[in-house]
Amino acid sequence: MTFMLTTIDNPFNPFDDFDKWFNWDCLHGYNSCGLLDRFSFTSDALPDKQNHQELKRAMDEIVANDLTGMRLIVEK
């Protein structure tokens, strides 16, 4: 399963229309990709499965600590 971090008000699907999703996310100051980068500990030296697990862990942490209630995880 594949997961993405997004916000409840972003009208674009990050799986189907990433460029529009990303532009909208940045224009509204969310910077979801940058936030995920700061919370996750991934490495090219790690196997893909371990990196994916780490990204999901970081997304869970971000959503659990989001006081605004704007962030959520979508899955494909």
N, C-alpha and C. Protein backbone atom coordinates (compact mmCIF):
# COMPACT_ATOMS: atom_id res chain seq x y z
N MET A 1 0.83 -1.17 0.00
CA MET A 1 0.00 0.00 0.00
C MET A 1 0.88 1.24 0.00
N THR A 2 0.45 2.27 -0.69
CA THR A 2 1.20 3.51 -0.79
C THR A 2 0.43 4.61 -0.06
N PHE A 3 1.15 5.43 0.68
CA PHE A 3 0.54 6.50 1.46
C PHE A 3 1.14 7.84 1.08
N MET A 4 0.33 8.90 1.24
CA MET A 4 0.79 10.26 1.01
C MET A 4 0.23 11.16 2.11
N LEU A 5 1.00 12.14 2.49
CA LEU A 5 0.56 13.15 3.45
C LEU A 5 -0.05 14.30 2.67
N THR A 6 -1.22 14.77 3.10
CA THR A 6 -1.88 15.88 2.43
C THR A 6 -2.63 16.71 3.46
N THR A 7 -3.44 17.64 2.98
CA THR A 7 -4.29 18.44 3.86
C THR A 7 -5.74 18.26 3.43
N ILE A 8 -6.65 18.51 4.36
CA ILE A 8 -8.06 18.26 4.08
C ILE A 8 -8.63 19.21 3.02
N ASP A 9 -7.99 20.35 2.80
CA ASP A 9 -8.53 21.34 1.88
C ASP A 9 -7.88 21.32 0.49
N ASN A 10 -6.92 20.43 0.28
CA ASN A 10 -6.28 20.37 -1.05
C ASN A 10 -7.20 19.60 -2.00
N PRO A 11 -7.65 20.25 -3.07
CA PRO A 11 -8.62 19.60 -3.97
C PRO A 11 -7.98 18.58 -4.93
N PHE A 12 -6.68 18.49 -4.95
CA PHE A 12 -6.00 17.61 -5.91
C PHE A 12 -5.55 16.31 -5.25
N ASN A 13 -5.57 15.26 -6.02
CA ASN A 13 -5.13 13.94 -5.55
C ASN A 13 -3.62 13.83 -5.77
N PRO A 14 -2.84 13.61 -4.70
CA PRO A 14 -1.39 13.56 -4.87
C PRO A 14 -0.92 12.35 -5.69
N PHE A 15 -1.74 11.32 -5.80
CA PHE A 15 -1.37 10.15 -6.59
C PHE A 15 -1.63 10.38 -8.08
N ASP A 16 -2.74 11.04 -8.40
CA ASP A 16 -3.15 11.19 -9.79
C ASP A 16 -2.69 12.48 -10.45
N ASP A 17 -2.48 13.51 -9.66
CA ASP A 17 -2.12 14.82 -10.21
C ASP A 17 -1.13 15.51 -9.28
N PHE A 18 0.05 14.88 -9.13
CA PHE A 18 1.02 15.35 -8.15
C PHE A 18 1.43 16.80 -8.38
N ASP A 19 1.69 17.19 -9.62
CA ASP A 19 2.16 18.56 -9.88
C ASP A 19 1.17 19.61 -9.39
N LYS A 20 -0.11 19.42 -9.70
CA LYS A 20 -1.13 20.38 -9.23
C LYS A 20 -1.27 20.31 -7.71
N TRP A 21 -1.24 19.08 -7.18
CA TRP A 21 -1.32 18.91 -5.73
C TRP A 21 -0.16 19.65 -5.05
N PHE A 22 1.06 19.43 -5.54
CA PHE A 22 2.26 20.03 -4.96
C PHE A 22 2.21 21.56 -5.05
N ASN A 23 1.84 22.10 -6.20
CA ASN A 23 1.74 23.55 -6.36
C ASN A 23 0.74 24.15 -5.40
N TRP A 24 -0.42 23.52 -5.28
CA TRP A 24 -1.46 24.00 -4.38
C TRP A 24 -0.95 23.96 -2.94
N ASP A 25 -0.32 22.86 -2.56
CA ASP A 25 0.21 22.68 -1.21
C ASP A 25 1.23 23.77 -0.87
N CYS A 26 2.13 24.05 -1.78
CA CYS A 26 3.16 25.08 -1.54
C CYS A 26 2.56 26.48 -1.53
N LEU A 27 1.65 26.76 -2.45
CA LEU A 27 1.03 28.10 -2.50
C LEU A 27 0.28 28.42 -1.22
N HIS A 28 -0.23 27.41 -0.55
CA HIS A 28 -0.98 27.64 0.68
C HIS A 28 -0.11 27.50 1.93
N GLY A 29 1.19 27.36 1.72
CA GLY A 29 2.13 27.39 2.83
C GLY A 29 2.23 26.12 3.67
N TYR A 30 1.70 25.00 3.17
CA TYR A 30 1.75 23.77 3.95
C TYR A 30 3.10 23.07 3.87
N ASN A 31 3.70 23.06 2.69
CA ASN A 31 4.99 22.41 2.46
C ASN A 31 5.03 21.00 3.05
N SER A 32 4.04 20.19 2.68
CA SER A 32 3.90 18.84 3.22
C SER A 32 5.12 17.97 2.92
N CYS A 33 5.69 18.09 1.75
CA CYS A 33 6.87 17.28 1.41
C CYS A 33 8.06 17.66 2.29
N GLY A 34 8.26 18.94 2.50
CA GLY A 34 9.35 19.39 3.36
C GLY A 34 9.15 18.98 4.81
N LEU A 35 7.91 19.04 5.27
CA LEU A 35 7.60 18.63 6.63
C LEU A 35 7.88 17.14 6.80
N LEU A 36 7.46 16.34 5.84
CA LEU A 36 7.71 14.90 5.89
C LEU A 36 9.21 14.63 5.87
N ASP A 37 9.94 15.38 5.10
CA ASP A 37 11.40 15.22 5.05
C ASP A 37 12.04 15.48 6.42
N ARG A 38 11.54 16.49 7.13
CA ARG A 38 12.10 16.82 8.44
C ARG A 38 11.77 15.77 9.50
N PHE A 39 10.63 15.11 9.38
CA PHE A 39 10.20 14.14 10.39
C PHE A 39 10.68 12.72 10.11
N SER A 40 11.13 12.43 8.90
CA SER A 40 11.48 11.05 8.55
C SER A 40 13.00 10.87 8.50
N PHE A 41 13.39 9.65 8.74
CA PHE A 41 14.81 9.29 8.73
C PHE A 41 15.02 8.20 7.69
N THR A 42 15.07 8.62 6.43
CA THR A 42 15.26 7.68 5.33
C THR A 42 16.69 7.79 4.81
N SER A 43 17.08 6.79 4.00
CA SER A 43 18.43 6.78 3.48
C SER A 43 18.48 5.93 2.21
N ASP A 44 19.31 6.33 1.28
CA ASP A 44 19.54 5.52 0.08
C ASP A 44 20.19 4.19 0.44
N ALA A 45 20.81 4.12 1.60
CA ALA A 45 21.48 2.90 2.03
C ALA A 45 20.50 1.87 2.60
N LEU A 46 19.27 2.29 2.88
CA LEU A 46 18.27 1.38 3.45
C LEU A 46 17.43 0.75 2.33
N PRO A 47 16.89 -0.44 2.58
CA PRO A 47 16.00 -1.06 1.60
C PRO A 47 14.71 -0.24 1.45
N ASP A 48 14.10 -0.32 0.27
CA ASP A 48 12.87 0.43 0.00
C ASP A 48 11.80 0.17 1.05
N LYS A 49 11.64 -1.08 1.44
CA LYS A 49 10.60 -1.43 2.42
C LYS A 49 10.82 -0.68 3.73
N GLN A 50 12.04 -0.60 4.18
CA GLN A 50 12.34 0.10 5.43
C GLN A 50 12.10 1.61 5.28
N ASN A 51 12.46 2.18 4.15
CA ASN A 51 12.19 3.60 3.90
C ASN A 51 10.68 3.88 3.87
N HIS A 52 9.92 3.00 3.25
CA HIS A 52 8.46 3.18 3.18
C HIS A 52 7.85 3.11 4.59
N GLN A 53 8.33 2.17 5.40
CA GLN A 53 7.84 2.06 6.77
C GLN A 53 8.17 3.32 7.57
N GLU A 54 9.34 3.86 7.35
CA GLU A 54 9.76 5.07 8.05
C GLU A 54 8.92 6.27 7.62
N LEU A 55 8.64 6.36 6.33
CA LEU A 55 7.79 7.46 5.85
C LEU A 55 6.40 7.37 6.46
N LYS A 56 5.84 6.17 6.53
CA LYS A 56 4.51 6.00 7.13
C LYS A 56 4.55 6.36 8.61
N ARG A 57 5.60 5.96 9.32
CA ARG A 57 5.74 6.31 10.73
C ARG A 57 5.77 7.82 10.91
N ALA A 58 6.53 8.50 10.05
CA ALA A 58 6.63 9.96 10.13
C ALA A 58 5.28 10.62 9.83
N MET A 59 4.56 10.10 8.84
CA MET A 59 3.23 10.65 8.54
C MET A 59 2.30 10.49 9.73
N ASP A 60 2.32 9.31 10.35
CA ASP A 60 1.48 9.08 11.53
C ASP A 60 1.82 10.07 12.64
N GLU A 61 3.10 10.33 12.84
CA GLU A 61 3.54 11.27 13.87
C GLU A 61 3.07 12.69 13.55
N ILE A 62 3.20 13.09 12.30
CA ILE A 62 2.78 14.43 11.88
C ILE A 62 1.28 14.61 12.11
N VAL A 63 0.49 13.65 11.67
CA VAL A 63 -0.97 13.75 11.82
C VAL A 63 -1.36 13.74 13.30
N ALA A 64 -0.73 12.89 14.09
CA ALA A 64 -1.05 12.79 15.52
C ALA A 64 -0.74 14.09 16.27
N ASN A 65 0.25 14.84 15.80
CA ASN A 65 0.66 16.07 16.48
C ASN A 65 0.17 17.34 15.79
N ASP A 66 -0.70 17.20 14.79
CA ASP A 66 -1.21 18.36 14.05
C ASP A 66 -2.36 19.01 14.83
N LEU A 67 -2.08 20.09 15.49
CA LEU A 67 -3.09 20.77 16.29
C LEU A 67 -4.16 21.45 15.46
N THR A 68 -3.87 21.71 14.19
CA THR A 68 -4.86 22.38 13.33
C THR A 68 -5.90 21.40 12.79
N GLY A 69 -5.58 20.12 12.78
CA GLY A 69 -6.50 19.13 12.22
C GLY A 69 -6.56 19.16 10.70
N MET A 70 -5.61 19.83 10.08
CA MET A 70 -5.61 19.98 8.62
C MET A 70 -4.95 18.82 7.89
N ARG A 71 -4.06 18.13 8.53
CA ARG A 71 -3.28 17.09 7.84
C ARG A 71 -3.96 15.73 7.95
N LEU A 72 -3.81 14.96 6.87
CA LEU A 72 -4.29 13.60 6.86
C LEU A 72 -3.46 12.75 5.92
N ILE A 73 -3.63 11.45 6.06
CA ILE A 73 -2.91 10.49 5.22
C ILE A 73 -3.90 9.87 4.27
N VAL A 74 -3.56 9.87 2.98
CA VAL A 74 -4.39 9.19 1.99
C VAL A 74 -3.61 7.99 1.47
N GLU A 75 -4.34 6.95 1.09
CA GLU A 75 -3.68 5.75 0.59
C GLU A 75 -4.19 5.38 -0.78
N LYS A 76 -3.33 4.70 -1.51
CA LYS A 76 -3.69 4.27 -2.86
C LYS A 76 -3.86 2.77 -2.84
